[in-house]
Amino acid sequence: MSSKVSEMRDKSAEELEELEIELRDQLVKLSVAKATQRATNTSTFQRVKKDIARVLTIKRERQMGLSKDAAAQE
């Protein structure tokens, strides 16, 4: 479910929250699969973690008023 940053920036705060929750759930499921030795594609962990980091970065930018989106919303 790797998303482009530009697509993430177009989302509202609520949509980013939902995306973060969805990604965290996916990470938990992957961890369980890894623990039970059912994980076949371990590169998915890194992709999901990076997507979570992207979401958190965008949320923090908006909180601090650093992004163009935050300035346009005010």
Protein backbone atom coordinates (compact mmCIF):
# COMPACT_ATOMS: atom_id res chain seq x y z
CA MET A 1 0.00 0.00 0.00
CA SER A 2 2.94 2.27 -0.49
CA SER A 3 1.69 5.77 -1.15
CA LYS A 4 3.34 8.73 -2.72
CA VAL A 5 4.01 11.64 -0.42
CA SER A 6 2.09 13.99 -2.70
CA GLU A 7 -0.98 11.75 -2.37
CA MET A 8 -0.60 11.73 1.41
CA ARG A 9 -0.30 15.51 1.56
CA ASP A 10 -3.64 15.82 -0.26
CA LYS A 11 -5.43 13.91 2.51
CA SER A 12 -7.24 15.59 5.38
CA ALA A 13 -6.15 15.16 9.00
CA GLU A 14 -8.88 12.56 9.56
CA GLU A 15 -7.82 10.58 6.51
CA LEU A 16 -4.21 10.63 7.72
CA GLU A 17 -5.34 9.30 11.12
CA GLU A 18 -7.22 6.47 9.43
CA LEU A 19 -4.23 5.70 7.21
CA GLU A 20 -1.90 5.61 10.22
CA ILE A 21 -4.21 3.21 12.07
CA GLU A 22 -4.50 1.01 8.99
CA LEU A 23 -0.72 0.92 8.53
CA ARG A 24 -0.10 0.12 12.20
CA ASP A 25 -2.63 -2.73 12.01
CA GLN A 26 -0.88 -4.03 8.92
CA LEU A 27 2.47 -3.88 10.74
CA VAL A 28 1.05 -5.88 13.66
CA LYS A 29 -0.30 -8.52 11.27
CA LEU A 30 3.08 -8.72 9.56
CA SER A 31 4.80 -9.11 12.93
CA VAL A 32 2.50 -11.97 13.86
CA ALA A 33 3.14 -13.61 10.50
CA LYS A 34 6.87 -13.22 11.03
CA ALA A 35 6.68 -14.66 14.54
CA THR A 36 4.78 -17.68 13.29
CA GLN A 37 7.21 -18.00 10.39
CA ARG A 38 4.57 -17.34 7.74
CA ALA A 39 6.13 -14.10 6.48
CA THR A 40 7.39 -14.52 2.98
CA ASN A 41 8.11 -10.95 1.91
CA THR A 42 10.10 -9.31 4.67
CA SER A 43 10.65 -6.13 2.64
CA THR A 44 7.04 -5.26 3.41
CA PHE A 45 8.06 -4.41 7.00
CA GLN A 46 10.38 -1.67 5.85
CA ARG A 47 7.81 -0.26 3.41
CA VAL A 48 5.05 -0.12 6.03
CA LYS A 49 7.35 1.46 8.61
CA LYS A 50 8.42 4.12 6.12
CA ASP A 51 4.80 4.85 5.22
CA ILE A 52 3.98 5.30 8.92
CA ALA A 53 6.94 7.67 9.24
CA ARG A 54 5.71 9.65 6.22
CA VAL A 55 2.26 10.03 7.75
CA LEU A 56 3.73 11.16 11.07
CA THR A 57 6.03 13.63 9.31
CA ILE A 58 3.14 15.19 7.40
CA LYS A 59 1.06 15.44 10.58
CA ARG A 60 3.96 17.08 12.42
CA GLU A 61 4.59 19.54 9.57
CA ARG A 62 0.96 20.59 9.69
CA GLN A 63 1.08 20.90 13.46
CA MET A 64 4.09 23.19 13.25
CA GLY A 65 2.68 25.08 10.27
CA LEU A 66 5.62 24.21 8.06
CA SER A 67 3.77 22.75 5.09
CA LYS A 68 2.06 24.67 2.33
CA ASP A 69 -1.12 22.72 3.09
CA ALA A 70 -1.26 24.00 6.66
CA ALA A 71 -0.88 27.59 5.51
CA ALA A 72 -3.66 27.15 2.95
CA GLN A 73 -6.02 25.63 5.54
CA GLU A 74 -5.66 28.55 7.96
